Every structure is written in structure tokens, then in C-alpha cells.
PDB file of all heavy atoms in Angstrom:
ATOM      1  N   VAL A   1     -51.875  41.734  71.880  1.00  0.00           N
ATOM      2  CA  VAL A   1     -51.732  43.170  72.113  1.00  0.00           C
ATOM      3  C   VAL A   1     -51.208  43.336  73.523  1.00  0.00           C
ATOM      4  O   VAL A   1     -51.824  42.860  74.479  1.00  0.00           O
ATOM      5  CB  VAL A   1     -53.071  43.921  71.936  1.00  0.00           C
ATOM      6  CG1 VAL A   1     -52.919  45.383  72.299  1.00  0.00           C
ATOM      7  CG2 VAL A   1     -53.590  43.775  70.511  1.00  0.00           C
ATOM      8  N   ASP A   2     -50.044  43.973  73.646  1.00  0.00           N
ATOM      9  CA  ASP A   2     -49.351  44.095  74.928  1.00  0.00           C
ATOM     10  C   ASP A   2     -49.174  42.693  75.524  1.00  0.00           C
ATOM     11  O   ASP A   2     -48.601  41.843  74.882  1.00  0.00           O
ATOM     12  CB  ASP A   2     -50.083  45.057  75.861  1.00  0.00           C
ATOM     13  CG  ASP A   2     -50.053  46.484  75.316  1.00  0.00           C
ATOM     14  OD1 ASP A   2     -49.037  46.865  74.708  1.00  0.00           O
ATOM     15  OD2 ASP A   2     -51.043  47.209  75.496  1.00  0.00           O
ATOM     16  N   ASN A   3     -49.711  42.432  76.695  1.00  0.00           N
ATOM     17  CA  ASN A   3     -49.540  41.122  77.326  1.00  0.00           C
ATOM     18  C   ASN A   3     -50.783  40.259  77.253  1.00  0.00           C
ATOM     19  O   ASN A   3     -50.928  39.319  78.027  1.00  0.00           O
ATOM     20  CB  ASN A   3     -49.110  41.282  78.787  1.00  0.00           C
ATOM     21  CG  ASN A   3     -47.740  41.916  78.895  1.00  0.00           C
ATOM     22  OD1 ASN A   3     -46.869  41.625  78.086  1.00  0.00           O
ATOM     23  ND2 ASN A   3     -47.570  42.795  79.870  1.00  0.00           N
ATOM     24  N   VAL A   4     -51.700  40.577  76.348  1.00  0.00           N
ATOM     25  CA  VAL A   4     -52.946  39.817  76.219  1.00  0.00           C
ATOM     26  C   VAL A   4     -52.907  39.018  74.920  1.00  0.00           C
ATOM     27  O   VAL A   4     -52.594  39.550  73.864  1.00  0.00           O
ATOM     28  CB  VAL A   4     -54.170  40.760  76.221  1.00  0.00           C
ATOM     29  CG1 VAL A   4     -55.454  39.977  76.025  1.00  0.00           C
ATOM     30  CG2 VAL A   4     -54.229  41.562  77.512  1.00  0.00           C
ATOM     31  N   THR A   5     -53.237  37.728  75.020  1.00  0.00           N
ATOM     32  CA  THR A   5     -53.304  36.864  73.847  1.00  0.00           C
ATOM     33  C   THR A   5     -54.746  36.399  73.694  1.00  0.00           C
ATOM     34  O   THR A   5     -55.308  35.794  74.610  1.00  0.00           O
ATOM     35  CB  THR A   5     -52.373  35.642  74.001  1.00  0.00           C
ATOM     36  OG1 THR A   5     -51.040  36.110  74.157  1.00  0.00           O
ATOM     37  CG2 THR A   5     -52.454  34.744  72.779  1.00  0.00           C
ATOM     38  N   VAL A   6     -55.340  36.705  72.538  1.00  0.00           N
ATOM     39  CA  VAL A   6     -56.713  36.298  72.241  1.00  0.00           C
ATOM     40  C   VAL A   6     -56.666  35.348  71.054  1.00  0.00           C
ATOM     41  O   VAL A   6     -56.117  35.696  70.007  1.00  0.00           O
ATOM     42  CB  VAL A   6     -57.605  37.510  71.901  1.00  0.00           C
ATOM     43  CG1 VAL A   6     -59.008  37.057  71.507  1.00  0.00           C
ATOM     44  CG2 VAL A   6     -57.649  38.488  73.066  1.00  0.00           C
ATOM     45  N   THR A   7     -57.233  34.152  71.214  1.00  0.00           N
ATOM     46  CA  THR A   7     -57.281  33.178  70.126  1.00  0.00           C
ATOM     47  C   THR A   7     -58.726  32.826  69.844  1.00  0.00           C
ATOM     48  O   THR A   7     -59.488  32.517  70.768  1.00  0.00           O
ATOM     49  CB  THR A   7     -56.492  31.900  70.491  1.00  0.00           C
ATOM     50  OG1 THR A   7     -55.136  32.262  70.761  1.00  0.00           O
ATOM     51  CG2 THR A   7     -56.523  30.894  69.358  1.00  0.00           C
ATOM     52  N   ALA A   8     -59.080  32.884  68.569  1.00  0.00           N
ATOM     53  CA  ALA A   8     -60.404  32.445  68.123  1.00  0.00           C
ATOM     54  C   ALA A   8     -60.175  31.176  67.306  1.00  0.00           C
ATOM     55  O   ALA A   8     -59.380  31.170  66.363  1.00  0.00           O
ATOM     56  CB  ALA A   8     -61.076  33.511  67.278  1.00  0.00           C
ATOM     57  N   VAL A   9     -60.850  30.104  67.700  1.00  0.00           N
ATOM     58  CA  VAL A   9     -60.682  28.807  67.056  1.00  0.00           C
ATOM     59  C   VAL A   9     -61.870  28.537  66.148  1.00  0.00           C
ATOM     60  O   VAL A   9     -63.025  28.808  66.505  1.00  0.00           O
ATOM     61  CB  VAL A   9     -60.547  27.699  68.125  1.00  0.00           C
ATOM     62  CG1 VAL A   9     -60.450  26.322  67.486  1.00  0.00           C
ATOM     63  CG2 VAL A   9     -59.318  27.968  68.993  1.00  0.00           C
ATOM     64  N   GLN A  10     -61.568  27.998  64.958  1.00  0.00           N
ATOM     65  CA  GLN A  10     -62.609  27.698  63.968  1.00  0.00           C
ATOM     66  C   GLN A  10     -63.769  26.950  64.621  1.00  0.00           C
ATOM     67  O   GLN A  10     -63.561  26.013  65.395  1.00  0.00           O
ATOM     68  CB  GLN A  10     -62.003  26.861  62.841  1.00  0.00           C
ATOM     69  CG  GLN A  10     -62.968  26.617  61.702  1.00  0.00           C
ATOM     70  CD  GLN A  10     -62.329  25.753  60.616  1.00  0.00           C
ATOM     71  OE1 GLN A  10     -61.753  24.715  60.903  1.00  0.00           O
ATOM     72  NE2 GLN A  10     -62.436  26.197  59.389  1.00  0.00           N
ATOM     73  N   SER A  11     -64.961  27.387  64.322  1.00  0.00           N
ATOM     74  CA  SER A  11     -66.222  26.780  64.767  1.00  0.00           C
ATOM     75  C   SER A  11     -66.562  27.004  66.248  1.00  0.00           C
ATOM     76  O   SER A  11     -67.592  26.542  66.703  1.00  0.00           O
ATOM     77  CB  SER A  11     -66.276  25.288  64.446  1.00  0.00           C
ATOM     78  OG  SER A  11     -66.171  25.114  63.048  1.00  0.00           O
ATOM     79  N   GLU A  12     -65.725  27.696  67.016  1.00  0.00           N
ATOM     80  CA  GLU A  12     -66.069  28.025  68.405  1.00  0.00           C
ATOM     81  C   GLU A  12     -66.797  29.366  68.419  1.00  0.00           C
ATOM     82  O   GLU A  12     -66.364  30.330  69.055  1.00  0.00           O
ATOM     83  CB  GLU A  12     -64.814  28.074  69.295  1.00  0.00           C
ATOM     84  CG  GLU A  12     -64.230  26.717  69.590  1.00  0.00           C
ATOM     85  CD  GLU A  12     -63.077  26.755  70.593  1.00  0.00           C
ATOM     86  OE1 GLU A  12     -62.709  27.845  71.100  1.00  0.00           O
ATOM     87  OE2 GLU A  12     -62.522  25.673  70.856  1.00  0.00           O
ATOM     88  N   ASN A  13     -67.919  29.433  67.725  1.00  0.00           N
ATOM     89  CA  ASN A  13     -68.671  30.678  67.570  1.00  0.00           C
ATOM     90  C   ASN A  13     -69.058  31.281  68.912  1.00  0.00           C
ATOM     91  O   ASN A  13     -69.487  30.571  69.813  1.00  0.00           O
ATOM     92  CB  ASN A  13     -69.939  30.431  66.740  1.00  0.00           C
ATOM     93  CG  ASN A  13     -69.607  29.957  65.346  1.00  0.00           C
ATOM     94  OD1 ASN A  13     -68.682  29.187  65.131  1.00  0.00           O
ATOM     95  ND2 ASN A  13     -70.360  30.437  64.383  1.00  0.00           N
ATOM     96  N   GLY A  14     -68.918  32.601  68.997  1.00  0.00           N
ATOM     97  CA  GLY A  14     -69.302  33.332  70.205  1.00  0.00           C
ATOM     98  C   GLY A  14     -68.310  33.218  71.348  1.00  0.00           C
ATOM     99  O   GLY A  14     -68.550  33.743  72.414  1.00  0.00           O
ATOM    100  N   MET A  15     -67.179  32.519  71.104  1.00  0.00           N
ATOM    101  CA  MET A  15     -66.179  32.290  72.139  1.00  0.00           C
ATOM    102  C   MET A  15     -64.793  32.699  71.645  1.00  0.00           C
ATOM    103  O   MET A  15     -64.517  32.632  70.449  1.00  0.00           O
ATOM    104  CB  MET A  15     -66.100  30.799  72.498  1.00  0.00           C
ATOM    105  CG  MET A  15     -67.367  30.157  72.965  1.00  0.00           C
ATOM    106  SD  MET A  15     -67.661  30.402  74.706  1.00  0.00           S
ATOM    107  CE  MET A  15     -66.314  29.539  75.433  1.00  0.00           C
ATOM    108  N   VAL A  16     -63.949  33.089  72.572  1.00  0.00           N
ATOM    109  CA  VAL A  16     -62.524  33.278  72.305  1.00  0.00           C
ATOM    110  C   VAL A  16     -61.768  32.721  73.499  1.00  0.00           C
ATOM    111  O   VAL A  16     -62.346  32.476  74.562  1.00  0.00           O
ATOM    112  CB  VAL A  16     -62.139  34.763  72.082  1.00  0.00           C
ATOM    113  CG1 VAL A  16     -62.738  35.295  70.795  1.00  0.00           C
ATOM    114  CG2 VAL A  16     -62.514  35.619  73.267  1.00  0.00           C
ATOM    115  N   ARG A  17     -60.485  32.511  73.308  1.00  0.00           N
ATOM    116  CA  ARG A  17     -59.620  32.083  74.396  1.00  0.00           C
ATOM    117  C   ARG A  17     -58.710  33.267  74.748  1.00  0.00           C
ATOM    118  O   ARG A  17     -57.968  33.731  73.892  1.00  0.00           O
ATOM    119  CB  ARG A  17     -58.796  30.876  73.983  1.00  0.00           C
ATOM    120  CG  ARG A  17     -59.665  29.686  73.614  1.00  0.00           C
ATOM    121  CD  ARG A  17     -58.861  28.526  73.083  1.00  0.00           C
ATOM    122  NE  ARG A  17     -59.750  27.487  72.584  1.00  0.00           N
ATOM    123  CZ  ARG A  17     -59.334  26.308  72.155  1.00  0.00           C
ATOM    124  NH1 ARG A  17     -58.034  26.021  72.160  1.00  0.00           N
ATOM    125  NH2 ARG A  17     -60.190  25.418  71.712  1.00  0.00           N
ATOM    126  N   VAL A  18     -58.845  33.753  75.971  1.00  0.00           N
ATOM    127  CA  VAL A  18     -58.028  34.879  76.428  1.00  0.00           C
ATOM    128  C   VAL A  18     -56.971  34.321  77.358  1.00  0.00           C
ATOM    129  O   VAL A  18     -57.302  33.778  78.419  1.00  0.00           O
ATOM    130  CB  VAL A  18     -58.888  35.944  77.153  1.00  0.00           C
ATOM    131  CG1 VAL A  18     -58.010  37.081  77.649  1.00  0.00           C
ATOM    132  CG2 VAL A  18     -59.992  36.450  76.241  1.00  0.00           C
ATOM    133  N   ASN A  19     -55.699  34.414  76.947  1.00  0.00           N
ATOM    134  CA  ASN A  19     -54.593  33.820  77.705  1.00  0.00           C
ATOM    135  C   ASN A  19     -54.937  32.373  78.107  1.00  0.00           C
ATOM    136  O   ASN A  19     -54.755  31.962  79.241  1.00  0.00           O
ATOM    137  CB  ASN A  19     -54.239  34.664  78.922  1.00  0.00           C
ATOM    138  CG  ASN A  19     -53.732  36.026  78.518  1.00  0.00           C
ATOM    139  OD1 ASN A  19     -53.180  36.209  77.438  1.00  0.00           O
ATOM    140  ND2 ASN A  19     -53.935  37.013  79.381  1.00  0.00           N
ATOM    141  N   ASN A  20     -55.472  31.614  77.134  1.00  0.00           N
ATOM    142  CA  ASN A  20     -55.824  30.194  77.261  1.00  0.00           C
ATOM    143  C   ASN A  20     -57.045  29.890  78.123  1.00  0.00           C
ATOM    144  O   ASN A  20     -57.264  28.741  78.491  1.00  0.00           O
ATOM    145  CB  ASN A  20     -54.625  29.348  77.715  1.00  0.00           C
ATOM    146  CG  ASN A  20     -53.628  29.178  76.601  1.00  0.00           C
ATOM    147  OD1 ASN A  20     -53.996  29.026  75.437  1.00  0.00           O
ATOM    148  ND2 ASN A  20     -52.345  29.206  76.946  1.00  0.00           N
ATOM    149  N   HIS A  21     -57.856  30.899  78.464  1.00  0.00           N
ATOM    150  CA  HIS A  21     -59.095  30.675  79.199  1.00  0.00           C
ATOM    151  C   HIS A  21     -60.276  31.014  78.300  1.00  0.00           C
ATOM    152  O   HIS A  21     -60.306  32.090  77.702  1.00  0.00           O
ATOM    153  CB  HIS A  21     -59.151  31.537  80.470  1.00  0.00           C
ATOM    154  CG  HIS A  21     -58.073  31.211  81.451  1.00  0.00           C
ATOM    155  ND1 HIS A  21     -58.069  30.058  82.203  1.00  0.00           N
ATOM    156  CD2 HIS A  21     -56.941  31.877  81.786  1.00  0.00           C
ATOM    157  CE1 HIS A  21     -56.985  30.030  82.967  1.00  0.00           C
ATOM    158  NE2 HIS A  21     -56.278  31.132  82.728  1.00  0.00           N
ATOM    159  N   HIS A  22     -61.250  30.104  78.183  1.00  0.00           N
ATOM    160  CA  HIS A  22     -62.425  30.348  77.347  1.00  0.00           C
ATOM    161  C   HIS A  22     -63.235  31.514  77.889  1.00  0.00           C
ATOM    162  O   HIS A  22     -63.458  31.603  79.101  1.00  0.00           O
ATOM    163  CB  HIS A  22     -63.324  29.101  77.289  1.00  0.00           C
ATOM    164  CG  HIS A  22     -62.831  28.077  76.332  1.00  0.00           C
ATOM    165  ND1 HIS A  22     -61.892  27.131  76.674  1.00  0.00           N
ATOM    166  CD2 HIS A  22     -63.127  27.864  75.030  1.00  0.00           C
ATOM    167  CE1 HIS A  22     -61.643  26.369  75.632  1.00  0.00           C
ATOM    168  NE2 HIS A  22     -62.366  26.779  74.618  1.00  0.00           N
ATOM    169  N   SER A  23     -63.670  32.390  76.999  1.00  0.00           N
ATOM    170  CA  SER A  23     -64.502  33.539  77.380  1.00  0.00           C
ATOM    171  C   SER A  23     -65.600  33.730  76.344  1.00  0.00           C
ATOM    172  O   SER A  23     -65.364  33.586  75.150  1.00  0.00           O
ATOM    173  CB  SER A  23     -63.666  34.825  77.422  1.00  0.00           C
ATOM    174  OG  SER A  23     -62.678  34.741  78.411  1.00  0.00           O
ATOM    175  N   ARG A  24     -66.790  34.036  76.831  1.00  0.00           N
ATOM    176  CA  ARG A  24     -67.907  34.363  75.941  1.00  0.00           C
ATOM    177  C   ARG A  24     -67.845  35.834  75.591  1.00  0.00           C
ATOM    178  O   ARG A  24     -67.398  36.649  76.368  1.00  0.00           O
ATOM    179  CB  ARG A  24     -69.247  34.081  76.626  1.00  0.00           C
ATOM    180  CG  ARG A  24     -69.562  32.633  76.773  1.00  0.00           C
ATOM    181  CD  ARG A  24     -71.078  32.397  76.776  1.00  0.00           C
ATOM    182  NE  ARG A  24     -71.375  31.027  76.470  1.00  0.00           N
ATOM    183  CZ  ARG A  24     -71.414  30.508  75.240  1.00  0.00           C
ATOM    184  NH1 ARG A  24     -71.188  31.262  74.203  1.00  0.00           N
ATOM    185  NH2 ARG A  24     -71.704  29.239  75.047  1.00  0.00           N
ATOM    186  N   LEU A  25     -68.311  36.155  74.387  1.00  0.00           N
ATOM    187  CA  LEU A  25     -68.345  37.552  73.956  1.00  0.00           C
ATOM    188  C   LEU A  25     -69.630  38.208  74.429  1.00  0.00           C
ATOM    189  O   LEU A  25     -70.634  37.519  74.622  1.00  0.00           O
ATOM    190  CB  LEU A  25     -68.249  37.612  72.435  1.00  0.00           C
ATOM    191  CG  LEU A  25     -66.992  36.994  71.825  1.00  0.00           C
ATOM    192  CD1 LEU A  25     -66.975  37.195  70.331  1.00  0.00           C
ATOM    193  CD2 LEU A  25     -65.737  37.543  72.445  1.00  0.00           C
ATOM    194  N   PRO A  26     -69.661  39.500  74.616  1.00  0.00           N
ATOM    195  CA  PRO A  26     -68.585  40.485  74.443  1.00  0.00           C
ATOM    196  C   PRO A  26     -67.713  40.556  75.694  1.00  0.00           C
ATOM    197  O   PRO A  26     -68.143  40.245  76.790  1.00  0.00           O
ATOM    198  CB  PRO A  26     -69.353  41.795  74.232  1.00  0.00           C
ATOM    199  CG  PRO A  26     -70.595  41.625  75.046  1.00  0.00           C
ATOM    200  CD  PRO A  26     -70.932  40.147  74.982  1.00  0.00           C
ATOM    201  N   ILE A  27     -66.453  41.000  75.479  1.00  0.00           N
ATOM    202  CA  ILE A  27     -65.552  41.210  76.609  1.00  0.00           C
ATOM    203  C   ILE A  27     -64.691  42.447  76.334  1.00  0.00           C
ATOM    204  O   ILE A  27     -64.460  42.822  75.189  1.00  0.00           O
ATOM    205  CB  ILE A  27     -64.645  39.998  76.910  1.00  0.00           C
ATOM    206  CG1 ILE A  27     -63.876  39.549  75.674  1.00  0.00           C
ATOM    207  CG2 ILE A  27     -65.411  38.863  77.505  1.00  0.00           C
ATOM    208  CD1 ILE A  27     -62.896  38.420  75.955  1.00  0.00           C
ATOM    209  N   SER A  28     -64.238  43.039  77.433  1.00  0.00           N
ATOM    210  CA  SER A  28     -63.334  44.181  77.371  1.00  0.00           C
ATOM    211  C   SER A  28     -62.113  43.814  78.208  1.00  0.00           C
ATOM    212  O   SER A  28     -62.251  43.310  79.318  1.00  0.00           O
ATOM    213  CB  SER A  28     -64.040  45.420  77.934  1.00  0.00           C
ATOM    214  OG  SER A  28     -63.174  46.529  77.898  1.00  0.00           O
ATOM    215  N   LEU A  29     -60.927  44.030  77.641  1.00  0.00           N
ATOM    216  CA  LEU A  29     -59.685  43.621  78.310  1.00  0.00           C
ATOM    217  C   LEU A  29     -58.752  44.812  78.489  1.00  0.00           C
ATOM    218  O   LEU A  29     -58.858  45.799  77.765  1.00  0.00           O
ATOM    219  CB  LEU A  29     -58.993  42.542  77.469  1.00  0.00           C
ATOM    220  CG  LEU A  29     -59.838  41.307  77.134  1.00  0.00           C
ATOM    221  CD1 LEU A  29     -59.198  40.508  76.020  1.00  0.00           C
ATOM    222  CD2 LEU A  29     -60.038  40.464  78.380  1.00  0.00           C
ATOM    223  N   SER A  30     -57.809  44.665  79.404  1.00  0.00           N
ATOM    224  CA  SER A  30     -56.787  45.702  79.650  1.00  0.00           C
ATOM    225  C   SER A  30     -57.414  47.085  79.836  1.00  0.00           C
ATOM    226  O   SER A  30     -57.019  48.058  79.185  1.00  0.00           O
ATOM    227  CB  SER A  30     -55.756  45.742  78.517  1.00  0.00           C
ATOM    228  OG  SER A  30     -55.054  44.544  78.448  1.00  0.00           O
ATOM    229  N   HIS A  31     -58.410  47.154  80.715  1.00  0.00           N
ATOM    230  CA  HIS A  31     -59.078  48.420  81.029  1.00  0.00           C
ATOM    231  C   HIS A  31     -59.646  49.091  79.773  1.00  0.00           C
ATOM    232  O   HIS A  31     -59.525  50.301  79.591  1.00  0.00           O
ATOM    233  CB  HIS A  31     -58.135  49.384  81.766  1.00  0.00           C
ATOM    234  CG  HIS A  31     -57.489  48.751  82.968  1.00  0.00           C
ATOM    235  ND1 HIS A  31     -58.185  48.455  84.107  1.00  0.00           N
ATOM    236  CD2 HIS A  31     -56.209  48.337  83.175  1.00  0.00           C
ATOM    237  CE1 HIS A  31     -57.371  47.886  84.981  1.00  0.00           C
ATOM    238  NE2 HIS A  31     -56.175  47.804  84.443  1.00  0.00           N
ATOM    239  N   GLY A  32     -60.219  48.291  78.884  1.00  0.00           N
ATOM    240  CA  GLY A  32     -60.874  48.836  77.672  1.00  0.00           C
ATOM    241  C   GLY A  32     -59.945  49.030  76.491  1.00  0.00           C
ATOM    242  O   GLY A  32     -60.395  49.456  75.426  1.00  0.00           O
ATOM    243  N   LYS A  33     -58.654  48.706  76.631  1.00  0.00           N
ATOM    244  CA  LYS A  33     -57.731  48.878  75.510  1.00  0.00           C
ATOM    245  C   LYS A  33     -58.014  47.882  74.384  1.00  0.00           C
ATOM    246  O   LYS A  33     -57.628  48.115  73.246  1.00  0.00           O
ATOM    247  CB  LYS A  33     -56.281  48.713  75.978  1.00  0.00           C
ATOM    248  CG  LYS A  33     -55.782  49.840  76.833  1.00  0.00           C
ATOM    249  CD  LYS A  33     -54.335  49.602  77.208  1.00  0.00           C
ATOM    250  CE  LYS A  33     -53.801  50.709  78.089  1.00  0.00           C
ATOM    251  NZ  LYS A  33     -52.425  50.423  78.504  1.00  0.00           N
ATOM    252  N   LEU A  34     -58.662  46.773  74.722  1.00  0.00           N
ATOM    253  CA  LEU A  34     -58.988  45.740  73.744  1.00  0.00           C
ATOM    254  C   LEU A  34     -60.432  45.306  73.985  1.00  0.00           C
ATOM    255  O   LEU A  34     -60.777  44.871  75.087  1.00  0.00           O
ATOM    256  CB  LEU A  34     -58.032  44.556  73.936  1.00  0.00           C
ATOM    257  CG  LEU A  34     -57.857  43.572  72.808  1.00  0.00           C
ATOM    258  CD1 LEU A  34     -57.348  44.264  71.545  1.00  0.00           C
ATOM    259  CD2 LEU A  34     -56.882  42.473  73.212  1.00  0.00           C
ATOM    260  N   ARG A  35     -61.257  45.478  72.951  1.00  0.00           N
ATOM    261  CA  ARG A  35     -62.677  45.124  73.063  1.00  0.00           C
ATOM    262  C   ARG A  35     -63.010  44.083  72.009  1.00  0.00           C
ATOM    263  O   ARG A  35     -62.595  44.207  70.851  1.00  0.00           O
ATOM    264  CB  ARG A  35     -63.551  46.358  72.888  1.00  0.00           C
ATOM    265  CG  ARG A  35     -63.359  47.395  73.978  1.00  0.00           C
ATOM    266  CD  ARG A  35     -64.175  48.653  73.778  1.00  0.00           C
ATOM    267  NE  ARG A  35     -64.285  49.152  72.419  1.00  0.00           N
ATOM    268  CZ  ARG A  35     -63.348  49.848  71.779  1.00  0.00           C
ATOM    269  NH1 ARG A  35     -62.215  50.116  72.357  1.00  0.00           N
ATOM    270  NH2 ARG A  35     -63.552  50.283  70.552  1.00  0.00           N
ATOM    271  N   ILE A  36     -63.765  43.066  72.397  1.00  0.00           N
ATOM    272  CA  ILE A  36     -64.131  41.994  71.483  1.00  0.00           C
ATOM    273  C   ILE A  36     -65.629  41.772  71.582  1.00  0.00           C
ATOM    274  O   ILE A  36     -66.161  41.594  72.683  1.00  0.00           O
ATOM    275  CB  ILE A  36     -63.403  40.673  71.832  1.00  0.00           C
ATOM    276  CG1 ILE A  36     -61.909  40.927  72.056  1.00  0.00           C
ATOM    277  CG2 ILE A  36     -63.635  39.632  70.755  1.00  0.00           C
ATOM    278  CD1 ILE A  36     -61.191  39.788  72.737  1.00  0.00           C
ATOM    279  N   HIS A  37     -66.297  41.819  70.448  1.00  0.00           N
ATOM    280  CA  HIS A  37     -67.724  41.529  70.441  1.00  0.00           C
ATOM    281  C   HIS A  37     -68.102  40.831  69.138  1.00  0.00           C
ATOM    282  O   HIS A  37     -67.298  40.747  68.222  1.00  0.00           O
ATOM    283  CB  HIS A  37     -68.553  42.800  70.665  1.00  0.00           C
ATOM    284  CG  HIS A  37     -68.396  43.847  69.619  1.00  0.00           C
ATOM    285  ND1 HIS A  37     -67.400  44.792  69.647  1.00  0.00           N
ATOM    286  CD2 HIS A  37     -69.096  44.086  68.485  1.00  0.00           C
ATOM    287  CE1 HIS A  37     -67.509  45.578  68.602  1.00  0.00           C
ATOM    288  NE2 HIS A  37     -68.509  45.162  67.869  1.00  0.00           N
ATOM    289  N   GLN A  38     -69.318  40.329  69.127  1.00  0.00           N
ATOM    290  CA  GLN A  38     -69.789  39.643  67.934  1.00  0.00           C
ATOM    291  C   GLN A  38     -70.507  40.632  67.039  1.00  0.00           C
ATOM    292  O   GLN A  38     -71.273  41.460  67.496  1.00  0.00           O
ATOM    293  CB  GLN A  38     -70.740  38.497  68.329  1.00  0.00           C
ATOM    294  CG  GLN A  38     -70.977  37.531  67.210  1.00  0.00           C
ATOM    295  CD  GLN A  38     -71.426  36.164  67.706  1.00  0.00           C
ATOM    296  OE1 GLN A  38     -71.255  35.839  68.864  1.00  0.00           O
ATOM    297  NE2 GLN A  38     -72.001  35.385  66.807  1.00  0.00           N
ATOM    298  N   ARG A  39     -70.201  40.578  65.758  1.00  0.00           N
ATOM    299  CA  ARG A  39     -70.867  41.406  64.764  1.00  0.00           C
ATOM    300  C   ARG A  39     -71.413  40.446  63.718  1.00  0.00           C
ATOM    301  O   ARG A  39     -70.660  39.902  62.923  1.00  0.00           O
ATOM    302  CB  ARG A  39     -69.906  42.403  64.138  1.00  0.00           C
ATOM    303  CG  ARG A  39     -70.592  43.251  63.072  1.00  0.00           C
ATOM    304  CD  ARG A  39     -69.680  44.261  62.457  1.00  0.00           C
ATOM    305  NE  ARG A  39     -69.561  45.414  63.342  1.00  0.00           N
ATOM    306  CZ  ARG A  39     -68.773  46.446  63.107  1.00  0.00           C
ATOM    307  NH1 ARG A  39     -68.013  46.452  62.039  1.00  0.00           N
ATOM    308  NH2 ARG A  39     -68.740  47.456  63.914  1.00  0.00           N
ATOM    309  N   GLY A  40     -72.727  40.223  63.755  1.00  0.00           N
ATOM    310  CA  GLY A  40     -73.327  39.233  62.870  1.00  0.00           C
ATOM    311  C   GLY A  40     -72.761  37.862  63.182  1.00  0.00           C
ATOM    312  O   GLY A  40     -72.730  37.445  64.331  1.00  0.00           O
ATOM    313  N   ARG A  41     -72.243  37.183  62.170  1.00  0.00           N
ATOM    314  CA  ARG A  41     -71.660  35.854  62.374  1.00  0.00           C
ATOM    315  C   ARG A  41     -70.157  35.917  62.623  1.00  0.00           C
ATOM    316  O   ARG A  41     -69.485  34.887  62.616  1.00  0.00           O
ATOM    317  CB  ARG A  41     -71.921  34.981  61.139  1.00  0.00           C
ATOM    318  CG  ARG A  41     -73.376  34.677  60.927  1.00  0.00           C
ATOM    319  CD  ARG A  41     -73.554  33.899  59.637  1.00  0.00           C
ATOM    320  NE  ARG A  41     -74.941  33.589  59.416  1.00  0.00           N
ATOM    321  CZ  ARG A  41     -75.460  32.390  59.585  1.00  0.00           C
ATOM    322  NH1 ARG A  41     -74.707  31.380  59.957  1.00  0.00           N
ATOM    323  NH2 ARG A  41     -76.741  32.184  59.364  1.00  0.00           N
TER     324      ARG A  41
END
């Protein structure tokens, strides 16, 4: 979305890669334009 790349890799539960950097959830990116959180599993 815009200039942000978020990748979720199989079995990396609770984590995403934001522009190739590992991040734990929840996170808010681009001043709240993109929000990522865990919902159940």
C-alpha cells in the first residue's frame, strides 16, 4: 500500500515483515493509514 510492503510468512505467527524488517503485532504504519493486528489465530 503506497510505499509500504508488508509480508506475512507461513508459520511466523504474530509477526510480519515491514519493508523487510521483522515486526511484532499490533502495528500502525503510514500515520495510521495501514493497521495490522492479530484477530484470533
